[in-house]
């Protein structure tokens, strides 16, 4: 469910590192937290945009549906997100039962990471970044903050699947602490403990 075109690569003009509102460089590792271990709620992405992270709340649903309704069909993987607006709404009904974090630019949702309980004590991770916000550090920052959010919500084990050919996403997941588990059809399953 998680191979979504949300992977990031470094942008030459920014070094690929999102910046906090205060301007200090933030990497996707332990340096993404402050002295208390809390990730900053707002960063400046590699394109200079202020990106704010916040847990999903029902009031954000319309903006979230709008993001998925304008998601580039070529970036969909493993059948998600759905293409039609009504299908997006039904899909969200089925996947928003676990922790979920949104990335906002101004008043629009531009990214979403969700953790869906799998019934075996773990959660499947899926991450989506709108095509207009990729390659600017948003996906990496959203992944890191999403893992923090899931941990705070009591999630202890996370897994995802990524297609073999998506080297960029696999590299991002490895840097975030995910390890190869096993092949899963045409995809690779990766997991980590929180």
N, C-alpha and C. Protein backbone atom coordinates (compact mmCIF):
# COMPACT_ATOMS: atom_id res chain seq x y z
N UNK A 1 0.81 -1.19 0.00
CA UNK A 1 0.00 0.00 0.00
C UNK A 1 0.86 1.26 0.00
N UNK A 2 2.16 1.19 0.17
CA UNK A 2 2.91 2.38 0.50
C UNK A 2 3.86 2.91 -0.54
N UNK A 3 3.94 2.35 -1.69
CA UNK A 3 4.85 2.85 -2.72
C UNK A 3 4.15 3.97 -3.46
N UNK A 4 4.38 5.23 -3.08
CA UNK A 4 3.49 6.30 -3.47
C UNK A 4 4.10 7.46 -4.20
N UNK A 5 5.33 7.39 -4.60
CA UNK A 5 5.91 8.55 -5.25
C UNK A 5 6.26 9.63 -4.26
N UNK A 6 6.28 9.33 -2.99
CA UNK A 6 6.52 10.34 -1.98
C UNK A 6 7.98 10.44 -1.59
N UNK A 7 8.82 9.65 -2.19
CA UNK A 7 10.22 9.67 -1.79
C UNK A 7 10.87 10.98 -2.19
N UNK A 8 11.95 11.29 -1.54
CA UNK A 8 12.63 12.56 -1.72
C UNK A 8 14.05 12.35 -2.20
N UNK A 9 14.56 13.30 -2.94
CA UNK A 9 15.97 13.35 -3.26
C UNK A 9 16.46 14.73 -2.91
N UNK A 10 17.76 14.87 -2.74
CA UNK A 10 18.32 16.17 -2.37
C UNK A 10 18.15 17.17 -3.51
N UNK A 11 17.82 18.38 -3.17
CA UNK A 11 17.72 19.45 -4.15
C UNK A 11 19.01 20.25 -4.06
N UNK A 12 19.71 20.45 -5.16
CA UNK A 12 21.00 21.12 -5.13
C UNK A 12 20.95 22.50 -4.49
N UNK A 13 19.90 23.27 -4.77
CA UNK A 13 19.87 24.63 -4.26
C UNK A 13 19.63 24.71 -2.76
N UNK A 14 19.15 23.63 -2.15
CA UNK A 14 18.86 23.68 -0.72
C UNK A 14 19.63 22.64 0.05
N UNK A 15 20.40 21.82 -0.64
CA UNK A 15 21.05 20.72 0.05
C UNK A 15 20.06 19.64 0.42
N UNK A 16 18.79 19.79 0.00
CA UNK A 16 17.78 18.79 0.30
C UNK A 16 17.36 18.76 1.75
N UNK A 17 17.76 19.76 2.52
CA UNK A 17 17.44 19.76 3.95
C UNK A 17 16.36 20.77 4.25
N UNK A 18 15.22 20.31 4.77
CA UNK A 18 14.21 21.26 5.17
C UNK A 18 14.74 22.10 6.33
N UNK A 19 14.23 23.29 6.48
CA UNK A 19 14.66 24.17 7.57
C UNK A 19 13.47 24.46 8.47
N UNK A 20 13.74 24.63 9.77
CA UNK A 20 12.69 25.04 10.67
C UNK A 20 12.40 26.50 10.42
N UNK A 21 11.33 27.01 10.99
CA UNK A 21 10.99 28.42 10.82
C UNK A 21 12.12 29.30 11.33
N UNK A 22 12.88 28.84 12.30
CA UNK A 22 14.00 29.61 12.82
C UNK A 22 15.20 29.56 11.89
N UNK A 23 15.15 28.69 10.88
CA UNK A 23 16.20 28.64 9.88
C UNK A 23 17.29 27.62 10.13
N UNK A 24 17.22 26.87 11.21
CA UNK A 24 18.26 25.87 11.44
C UNK A 24 17.97 24.65 10.57
N UNK A 25 19.02 24.09 9.99
CA UNK A 25 18.87 22.97 9.09
C UNK A 25 18.39 21.74 9.85
N UNK A 26 17.45 21.01 9.25
CA UNK A 26 16.94 19.78 9.85
C UNK A 26 17.15 18.64 8.88
N UNK A 27 17.80 17.58 9.31
CA UNK A 27 17.95 16.37 8.52
C UNK A 27 16.85 15.40 8.93
N UNK A 28 16.75 14.30 8.21
CA UNK A 28 15.76 13.28 8.54
C UNK A 28 16.28 12.26 9.52
N UNK A 29 17.14 12.65 10.44
CA UNK A 29 17.68 11.72 11.43
C UNK A 29 17.38 12.27 12.82
N UNK A 30 18.20 11.92 13.80
CA UNK A 30 17.95 12.35 15.17
C UNK A 30 17.92 13.86 15.30
N UNK A 31 18.55 14.59 14.39
CA UNK A 31 18.57 16.04 14.48
C UNK A 31 17.21 16.66 14.15
N UNK A 32 16.20 15.86 13.80
CA UNK A 32 14.89 16.42 13.52
C UNK A 32 14.13 16.72 14.80
N UNK A 33 14.69 16.43 15.93
CA UNK A 33 14.01 16.70 17.19
C UNK A 33 14.76 17.77 17.97
N UNK A 34 14.01 18.46 18.84
CA UNK A 34 14.64 19.45 19.69
C UNK A 34 15.16 18.77 20.95
N UNK A 35 15.58 19.55 21.94
CA UNK A 35 16.17 18.99 23.16
C UNK A 35 15.20 18.06 23.89
N UNK A 36 13.90 18.29 23.74
CA UNK A 36 12.91 17.45 24.40
C UNK A 36 12.49 16.26 23.55
N UNK A 37 13.09 16.11 22.36
CA UNK A 37 12.76 14.99 21.49
C UNK A 37 11.52 15.23 20.64
N UNK A 38 11.11 16.48 20.49
CA UNK A 38 9.90 16.81 19.74
C UNK A 38 10.29 17.38 18.38
N UNK A 39 9.69 16.87 17.32
CA UNK A 39 9.94 17.39 15.97
C UNK A 39 9.28 18.75 15.83
N UNK A 40 9.92 19.66 15.10
CA UNK A 40 9.29 20.97 14.90
C UNK A 40 7.99 20.82 14.11
N UNK A 41 7.01 21.66 14.43
CA UNK A 41 5.71 21.57 13.78
C UNK A 41 5.72 22.23 12.41
N UNK A 42 6.68 23.10 12.13
CA UNK A 42 6.76 23.79 10.85
C UNK A 42 8.19 23.79 10.36
N UNK A 43 8.36 23.52 9.08
CA UNK A 43 9.68 23.60 8.44
C UNK A 43 9.58 24.50 7.22
N UNK A 44 10.71 24.89 6.71
CA UNK A 44 10.77 25.51 5.40
C UNK A 44 11.31 24.44 4.47
N UNK A 45 10.56 24.11 3.43
CA UNK A 45 11.01 23.05 2.54
C UNK A 45 12.09 23.56 1.59
N UNK A 46 12.61 22.68 0.76
CA UNK A 46 13.69 23.02 -0.14
C UNK A 46 13.33 24.07 -1.17
N UNK A 47 12.05 24.38 -1.32
CA UNK A 47 11.60 25.43 -2.24
C UNK A 47 11.23 26.70 -1.50
N UNK A 48 11.52 26.75 -0.19
CA UNK A 48 11.26 27.96 0.59
C UNK A 48 9.84 28.10 1.10
N UNK A 49 9.03 27.05 1.01
CA UNK A 49 7.64 27.12 1.47
C UNK A 49 7.55 26.67 2.93
N UNK A 50 6.72 27.34 3.70
CA UNK A 50 6.47 26.93 5.09
C UNK A 50 5.51 25.75 5.07
N UNK A 51 5.98 24.62 5.59
CA UNK A 51 5.17 23.40 5.64
C UNK A 51 4.90 23.10 7.11
N UNK A 52 3.62 22.98 7.45
CA UNK A 52 3.20 22.73 8.83
C UNK A 52 2.70 21.30 8.94
N UNK A 53 3.03 20.64 10.04
CA UNK A 53 2.60 19.26 10.29
C UNK A 53 1.61 19.25 11.44
N UNK A 54 0.52 18.51 11.26
CA UNK A 54 -0.50 18.43 12.31
C UNK A 54 -1.23 17.10 12.19
N UNK A 55 -1.65 16.54 13.34
CA UNK A 55 -2.44 15.31 13.30
C UNK A 55 -3.74 15.52 12.52
N UNK A 56 -4.19 14.46 11.87
CA UNK A 56 -5.46 14.52 11.16
C UNK A 56 -6.59 14.77 12.15
N UNK A 57 -7.49 15.66 11.78
CA UNK A 57 -8.74 15.90 12.50
C UNK A 57 -9.86 15.91 11.47
N UNK A 58 -11.06 15.50 11.85
CA UNK A 58 -12.16 15.45 10.88
C UNK A 58 -12.40 16.76 10.12
N UNK A 59 -12.11 17.90 10.73
CA UNK A 59 -12.30 19.19 10.05
C UNK A 59 -11.40 19.32 8.82
N UNK A 60 -10.34 18.52 8.74
CA UNK A 60 -9.40 18.58 7.62
C UNK A 60 -9.79 17.65 6.48
N UNK A 61 -10.85 16.91 6.65
CA UNK A 61 -11.19 15.87 5.67
C UNK A 61 -11.36 16.41 4.25
N UNK A 62 -12.07 17.50 4.08
CA UNK A 62 -12.31 18.03 2.72
C UNK A 62 -11.00 18.40 2.04
N UNK A 63 -10.09 19.03 2.79
CA UNK A 63 -8.79 19.39 2.21
C UNK A 63 -7.98 18.14 1.87
N UNK A 64 -8.09 17.11 2.70
CA UNK A 64 -7.39 15.85 2.43
C UNK A 64 -7.97 15.18 1.16
N UNK A 65 -9.28 15.15 1.05
CA UNK A 65 -9.91 14.59 -0.15
C UNK A 65 -9.49 15.39 -1.38
N UNK A 66 -9.43 16.71 -1.25
CA UNK A 66 -8.99 17.55 -2.38
C UNK A 66 -7.58 17.18 -2.83
N UNK A 67 -6.67 16.94 -1.86
CA UNK A 67 -5.30 16.56 -2.23
C UNK A 67 -5.32 15.28 -3.05
N UNK A 68 -6.04 14.28 -2.55
CA UNK A 68 -6.07 13.00 -3.26
C UNK A 68 -6.80 13.11 -4.61
N UNK A 69 -7.80 13.97 -4.69
CA UNK A 69 -8.54 14.12 -5.95
C UNK A 69 -7.67 14.74 -7.04
N UNK A 70 -6.62 15.46 -6.65
CA UNK A 70 -5.73 16.08 -7.64
C UNK A 70 -4.38 15.38 -7.70
N UNK A 71 -4.30 14.20 -7.10
CA UNK A 71 -3.06 13.43 -7.10
C UNK A 71 -2.79 12.90 -8.51
N UNK A 72 -1.58 13.02 -8.97
CA UNK A 72 -1.20 12.58 -10.32
C UNK A 72 -1.42 11.07 -10.45
N UNK A 73 -2.27 10.63 -11.39
CA UNK A 73 -2.54 9.21 -11.55
C UNK A 73 -1.29 8.37 -11.80
N UNK A 74 -0.25 8.94 -12.40
CA UNK A 74 0.97 8.17 -12.65
C UNK A 74 1.74 7.91 -11.37
N UNK A 75 1.40 8.60 -10.29
CA UNK A 75 2.09 8.43 -9.02
C UNK A 75 1.37 7.45 -8.10
N UNK A 76 0.27 6.95 -8.53
CA UNK A 76 -0.46 5.98 -7.72
C UNK A 76 0.26 4.64 -7.79
N UNK A 77 0.24 3.93 -6.69
CA UNK A 77 0.90 2.62 -6.64
C UNK A 77 0.02 1.64 -5.89
N UNK A 78 0.03 0.41 -6.36
CA UNK A 78 -0.70 -0.66 -5.72
C UNK A 78 -2.18 -0.30 -5.56
N UNK A 79 -2.68 0.52 -6.50
CA UNK A 79 -4.09 0.87 -6.52
C UNK A 79 -4.51 2.02 -5.63
N UNK A 80 -3.55 2.65 -4.97
CA UNK A 80 -3.92 3.76 -4.10
C UNK A 80 -3.04 4.98 -4.37
N UNK A 81 -3.53 6.15 -4.07
CA UNK A 81 -4.91 6.42 -3.68
C UNK A 81 -5.85 6.20 -4.86
N UNK A 82 -7.12 5.98 -4.56
CA UNK A 82 -8.09 5.80 -5.64
C UNK A 82 -8.16 7.04 -6.53
N UNK A 83 -8.72 6.88 -7.72
CA UNK A 83 -8.78 7.97 -8.68
C UNK A 83 -10.03 8.84 -8.47
N UNK A 84 -11.19 8.23 -8.36
CA UNK A 84 -12.44 9.00 -8.26
C UNK A 84 -12.63 9.56 -6.85
N UNK A 85 -13.21 10.75 -6.77
CA UNK A 85 -13.42 11.42 -5.49
C UNK A 85 -14.25 10.55 -4.53
N UNK A 86 -15.34 9.93 -5.01
CA UNK A 86 -16.16 9.10 -4.13
C UNK A 86 -15.37 7.89 -3.64
N UNK A 87 -14.50 7.35 -4.49
CA UNK A 87 -13.66 6.22 -4.07
C UNK A 87 -12.62 6.67 -3.04
N UNK A 88 -12.09 7.88 -3.20
CA UNK A 88 -11.16 8.43 -2.20
C UNK A 88 -11.86 8.53 -0.85
N UNK A 89 -13.08 9.04 -0.84
CA UNK A 89 -13.82 9.19 0.42
C UNK A 89 -14.06 7.84 1.08
N UNK A 90 -14.44 6.83 0.31
CA UNK A 90 -14.65 5.49 0.87
C UNK A 90 -13.35 4.90 1.39
N UNK A 91 -12.27 5.08 0.62
CA UNK A 91 -10.96 4.57 1.04
C UNK A 91 -10.54 5.22 2.35
N UNK A 92 -10.71 6.55 2.47
CA UNK A 92 -10.34 7.22 3.71
C UNK A 92 -11.14 6.69 4.89
N UNK A 93 -12.42 6.37 4.68
CA UNK A 93 -13.22 5.79 5.75
C UNK A 93 -12.59 4.52 6.29
N UNK A 94 -11.92 3.77 5.41
CA UNK A 94 -11.36 2.48 5.83
C UNK A 94 -9.94 2.59 6.39
N UNK A 95 -9.23 3.69 6.14
CA UNK A 95 -7.82 3.75 6.56
C UNK A 95 -7.53 4.77 7.66
N UNK A 96 -8.49 5.56 8.05
CA UNK A 96 -8.22 6.60 9.05
C UNK A 96 -8.46 6.16 10.48
N UNK A 97 -8.46 4.85 10.72
CA UNK A 97 -8.69 4.37 12.08
C UNK A 97 -7.44 4.43 12.95
N UNK A 98 -6.27 4.51 12.35
CA UNK A 98 -5.02 4.59 13.10
C UNK A 98 -4.47 6.01 13.09
N UNK A 99 -3.28 6.22 13.66
CA UNK A 99 -2.67 7.55 13.65
C UNK A 99 -2.47 8.05 12.23
N UNK A 100 -2.59 9.35 12.06
CA UNK A 100 -2.51 9.96 10.75
C UNK A 100 -2.00 11.39 10.91
N UNK A 101 -1.03 11.78 10.09
CA UNK A 101 -0.43 13.12 10.18
C UNK A 101 -0.50 13.77 8.81
N UNK A 102 -0.80 15.07 8.79
CA UNK A 102 -0.91 15.82 7.55
C UNK A 102 0.21 16.84 7.44
N UNK A 103 0.62 17.11 6.21
CA UNK A 103 1.53 18.22 5.90
C UNK A 103 0.68 19.29 5.21
N UNK A 104 0.77 20.50 5.70
CA UNK A 104 -0.02 21.62 5.17
C UNK A 104 0.90 22.67 4.58
N UNK A 105 0.50 23.25 3.45
CA UNK A 105 1.11 24.48 2.94
C UNK A 105 -0.03 25.48 2.88
N UNK A 106 0.09 26.51 3.69
CA UNK A 106 -0.98 27.49 3.84
C UNK A 106 -2.24 26.75 4.24
N UNK A 107 -3.31 26.82 3.43
CA UNK A 107 -4.57 26.20 3.84
C UNK A 107 -4.88 24.91 3.09
N UNK A 108 -3.86 24.29 2.49
CA UNK A 108 -4.14 23.05 1.76
C UNK A 108 -3.24 21.91 2.23
N UNK A 109 -3.83 20.73 2.27
CA UNK A 109 -3.07 19.52 2.60
C UNK A 109 -2.21 19.17 1.39
N UNK A 110 -0.90 18.93 1.65
CA UNK A 110 0.02 18.59 0.57
C UNK A 110 0.71 17.25 0.81
N UNK A 111 0.46 16.65 1.97
CA UNK A 111 1.04 15.35 2.28
C UNK A 111 0.26 14.66 3.38
N UNK A 112 0.37 13.33 3.41
CA UNK A 112 -0.38 12.54 4.38
C UNK A 112 0.39 11.26 4.67
N UNK A 113 0.63 10.98 5.93
CA UNK A 113 1.19 9.70 6.34
C UNK A 113 0.19 9.07 7.30
N UNK A 114 -0.12 7.79 7.07
CA UNK A 114 -1.10 7.11 7.90
C UNK A 114 -0.59 5.74 8.31
N UNK A 115 -1.11 5.28 9.43
CA UNK A 115 -0.70 4.01 10.02
C UNK A 115 -1.96 3.19 10.25
N UNK A 116 -2.13 2.14 9.46
CA UNK A 116 -3.35 1.34 9.48
C UNK A 116 -3.09 0.06 10.28
N UNK A 117 -3.87 -0.19 11.36
CA UNK A 117 -3.69 -1.43 12.12
C UNK A 117 -3.88 -2.64 11.21
N UNK A 118 -2.98 -3.63 11.35
CA UNK A 118 -3.07 -4.80 10.47
C UNK A 118 -3.72 -6.01 11.12
N UNK A 119 -4.15 -5.88 12.38
CA UNK A 119 -4.78 -7.00 13.06
C UNK A 119 -3.81 -7.95 13.72
N UNK A 120 -2.51 -7.78 13.48
CA UNK A 120 -1.49 -8.64 14.08
C UNK A 120 -0.59 -7.86 15.04
N UNK A 121 -1.05 -6.71 15.49
CA UNK A 121 -0.28 -5.91 16.44
C UNK A 121 0.66 -4.90 15.81
N UNK A 122 0.70 -4.85 14.50
CA UNK A 122 1.56 -3.88 13.80
C UNK A 122 0.66 -2.93 13.01
N UNK A 123 1.28 -1.94 12.39
CA UNK A 123 0.56 -0.98 11.56
C UNK A 123 1.25 -0.87 10.21
N UNK A 124 0.44 -0.85 9.15
CA UNK A 124 0.98 -0.61 7.82
C UNK A 124 1.08 0.89 7.60
N UNK A 125 2.23 1.33 7.13
CA UNK A 125 2.47 2.73 6.85
C UNK A 125 2.21 3.01 5.38
N UNK A 126 1.54 4.11 5.11
CA UNK A 126 1.39 4.61 3.74
C UNK A 126 1.67 6.11 3.78
N UNK A 127 2.39 6.60 2.80
CA UNK A 127 2.72 8.03 2.76
C UNK A 127 2.51 8.55 1.34
N UNK A 128 1.93 9.73 1.27
CA UNK A 128 1.62 10.37 -0.01
C UNK A 128 2.01 11.84 0.08
N UNK A 129 2.70 12.32 -0.94
CA UNK A 129 3.05 13.73 -1.05
C UNK A 129 2.57 14.21 -2.41
N UNK A 130 1.79 15.27 -2.42
CA UNK A 130 1.27 15.82 -3.67
C UNK A 130 2.44 16.14 -4.59
N UNK A 131 2.27 15.87 -5.88
CA UNK A 131 3.36 16.01 -6.84
C UNK A 131 3.98 17.41 -6.86
N UNK A 132 3.26 18.43 -6.51
CA UNK A 132 3.81 19.79 -6.50
C UNK A 132 4.73 20.06 -5.32
N UNK A 133 4.85 19.09 -4.41
CA UNK A 133 5.66 19.28 -3.20
C UNK A 133 6.73 18.21 -3.04
N UNK A 134 6.93 17.41 -4.07
CA UNK A 134 7.95 16.38 -4.01
C UNK A 134 9.32 16.98 -4.32
N UNK A 135 10.35 16.25 -3.95
CA UNK A 135 11.74 16.65 -4.20
C UNK A 135 12.12 17.94 -3.48
N UNK A 136 11.47 18.21 -2.35
CA UNK A 136 11.77 19.41 -1.57
C UNK A 136 11.93 19.10 -0.09
N UNK A 137 12.02 17.81 0.26
CA UNK A 137 12.20 17.42 1.65
C UNK A 137 10.91 17.20 2.42
N UNK A 138 9.76 17.45 1.79
CA UNK A 138 8.48 17.33 2.49
C UNK A 138 8.20 15.87 2.87
N UNK A 139 8.40 14.93 1.95
CA UNK A 139 8.12 13.53 2.24
C UNK A 139 9.00 12.97 3.34
N UNK A 140 10.28 13.30 3.31
CA UNK A 140 11.20 12.82 4.35
C UNK A 140 10.80 13.39 5.70
N UNK A 141 10.51 14.70 5.75
CA UNK A 141 10.10 15.33 7.00
C UNK A 141 8.77 14.75 7.50
N UNK A 142 7.84 14.51 6.58
CA UNK A 142 6.55 13.94 6.95
C UNK A 142 6.72 12.52 7.48
N UNK A 143 7.58 11.74 6.86
CA UNK A 143 7.84 10.38 7.34
C UNK A 143 8.39 10.41 8.76
N UNK A 144 9.41 11.23 9.01
CA UNK A 144 10.01 11.32 10.35
C UNK A 144 9.00 11.75 11.40
N UNK A 145 8.26 12.79 11.10
CA UNK A 145 7.27 13.28 12.06
C UNK A 145 6.12 12.29 12.22
N UNK A 146 5.77 11.61 11.14
CA UNK A 146 4.73 10.59 11.23
C UNK A 146 5.13 9.45 12.15
N UNK A 147 6.39 9.02 12.05
CA UNK A 147 6.87 7.96 12.95
C UNK A 147 6.84 8.43 14.40
N UNK A 148 7.22 9.70 14.64
CA UNK A 148 7.14 10.26 16.00
C UNK A 148 5.69 10.26 16.48
N UNK A 149 4.78 10.68 15.61
CA UNK A 149 3.35 10.75 15.94
C UNK A 149 2.80 9.35 16.26
N UNK A 150 3.16 8.37 15.44
CA UNK A 150 2.68 7.00 15.67
C UNK A 150 3.23 6.45 16.98
N UNK A 151 4.50 6.70 17.25
CA UNK A 151 5.11 6.24 18.50
C UNK A 151 4.36 6.84 19.70
N UNK A 152 4.08 8.14 19.63
CA UNK A 152 3.36 8.81 20.72
C UNK A 152 1.94 8.25 20.89
N UNK A 153 1.37 7.72 19.81
CA UNK A 153 0.02 7.13 19.85
C UNK A 153 0.05 5.67 20.30
N UNK A 154 1.23 5.13 20.60
CA UNK A 154 1.33 3.77 21.09
C UNK A 154 1.66 2.72 20.06
N UNK A 155 1.93 3.12 18.83
CA UNK A 155 2.33 2.16 17.79
C UNK A 155 3.75 1.68 18.11
N UNK A 156 3.97 0.37 18.03
CA UNK A 156 5.29 -0.18 18.36
C UNK A 156 6.01 -0.81 17.17
N UNK A 157 5.26 -1.22 16.16
CA UNK A 157 5.88 -1.85 14.98
C UNK A 157 5.16 -1.37 13.73
N UNK A 158 5.95 -1.01 12.72
CA UNK A 158 5.42 -0.47 11.47
C UNK A 158 6.02 -1.24 10.30
N UNK A 159 5.23 -1.48 9.28
CA UNK A 159 5.74 -2.10 8.06
C UNK A 159 5.15 -1.38 6.85
N UNK A 160 5.78 -1.59 5.72
CA UNK A 160 5.33 -1.00 4.46
C UNK A 160 5.76 -1.90 3.33
N UNK A 161 5.20 -1.67 2.17
CA UNK A 161 5.68 -2.37 0.98
C UNK A 161 6.03 -1.32 -0.07
N UNK A 162 7.07 -1.60 -0.81
CA UNK A 162 7.56 -0.69 -1.84
C UNK A 162 7.99 -1.53 -3.04
N UNK A 163 7.69 -1.05 -4.24
CA UNK A 163 8.06 -1.82 -5.42
C UNK A 163 9.57 -1.89 -5.55
N UNK A 164 10.03 -2.99 -6.12
CA UNK A 164 11.47 -3.22 -6.27
C UNK A 164 12.15 -2.09 -7.03
N UNK A 165 11.49 -1.55 -8.03
CA UNK A 165 12.11 -0.54 -8.87
C UNK A 165 12.16 0.86 -8.28
N UNK A 166 11.53 1.07 -7.14
CA UNK A 166 11.50 2.41 -6.55
C UNK A 166 12.69 2.58 -5.60
N UNK A 167 13.87 2.75 -6.20
CA UNK A 167 15.11 2.86 -5.42
C UNK A 167 15.10 4.09 -4.51
N UNK A 168 14.53 5.20 -4.99
CA UNK A 168 14.49 6.42 -4.18
C UNK A 168 13.72 6.18 -2.88
N UNK A 169 12.54 5.61 -2.98
CA UNK A 169 11.73 5.37 -1.79
C UNK A 169 12.42 4.38 -0.86
N UNK A 170 12.99 3.32 -1.42
CA UNK A 170 13.67 2.33 -0.58
C UNK A 170 14.81 2.97 0.19
N UNK A 171 15.55 3.88 -0.44
CA UNK A 171 16.66 4.56 0.24
C UNK A 171 16.13 5.45 1.37
N UNK A 172 15.04 6.15 1.14
CA UNK A 172 14.45 7.00 2.19
C UNK A 172 14.02 6.13 3.36
N UNK A 173 13.37 5.01 3.08
CA UNK A 173 12.91 4.13 4.15
C UNK A 173 14.09 3.52 4.92
N UNK A 174 15.15 3.15 4.22
CA UNK A 174 16.34 2.61 4.91
C UNK A 174 16.92 3.67 5.85
N UNK A 175 17.03 4.91 5.38
CA UNK A 175 17.56 5.99 6.23
C UNK A 175 16.66 6.24 7.43
N UNK A 176 15.39 5.92 7.31
CA UNK A 176 14.45 6.10 8.42
C UNK A 176 14.42 4.88 9.35
N UNK A 177 15.30 3.92 9.12
CA UNK A 177 15.42 2.78 10.02
C UNK A 177 14.67 1.53 9.60
N UNK A 178 14.06 1.53 8.43
CA UNK A 178 13.35 0.34 7.97
C UNK A 178 14.35 -0.68 7.43
N UNK A 179 14.05 -1.96 7.68
CA UNK A 179 14.89 -3.05 7.20
C UNK A 179 14.06 -3.96 6.31
N UNK A 180 14.76 -4.57 5.34
CA UNK A 180 14.10 -5.54 4.46
C UNK A 180 13.57 -6.70 5.27
N UNK A 181 12.35 -7.10 4.93
CA UNK A 181 11.76 -8.26 5.57
C UNK A 181 11.70 -9.42 4.60
N UNK A 182 10.93 -9.23 3.53
CA UNK A 182 10.75 -10.30 2.56
C UNK A 182 10.06 -9.74 1.32
N UNK A 183 10.21 -10.42 0.21
CA UNK A 183 9.46 -10.02 -0.98
C UNK A 183 7.96 -10.23 -0.73
N UNK A 184 7.16 -9.38 -1.33
CA UNK A 184 5.70 -9.50 -1.22
C UNK A 184 5.14 -9.29 -2.62
N UNK A 185 5.11 -10.34 -3.42
CA UNK A 185 4.68 -10.20 -4.81
C UNK A 185 5.72 -9.39 -5.57
N UNK A 186 5.29 -8.34 -6.24
CA UNK A 186 6.20 -7.47 -6.97
C UNK A 186 6.79 -6.38 -6.12
N UNK A 187 6.64 -6.50 -4.81
CA UNK A 187 7.11 -5.46 -3.90
C UNK A 187 8.02 -6.06 -2.83
N UNK A 188 8.65 -5.18 -2.12
CA UNK A 188 9.51 -5.55 -0.99
C UNK A 188 8.83 -5.07 0.28
N UNK A 189 8.75 -5.93 1.27
CA UNK A 189 8.20 -5.53 2.56
C UNK A 189 9.36 -5.10 3.45
N UNK A 190 9.20 -3.95 4.09
CA UNK A 190 10.20 -3.41 5.01
C UNK A 190 9.49 -3.09 6.33
N UNK A 191 10.22 -3.17 7.44
CA UNK A 191 9.59 -2.90 8.73
C UNK A 191 10.60 -2.31 9.70
N UNK A 192 10.07 -1.79 10.79
CA UNK A 192 10.92 -1.30 11.88
C UNK A 192 10.08 -1.21 13.16
N UNK A 193 10.79 -1.22 14.26
CA UNK A 193 10.16 -0.99 15.57
C UNK A 193 10.25 0.49 15.89
N UNK A 194 9.28 0.97 16.65
CA UNK A 194 9.30 2.38 17.05
C UNK A 194 9.75 2.50 18.50
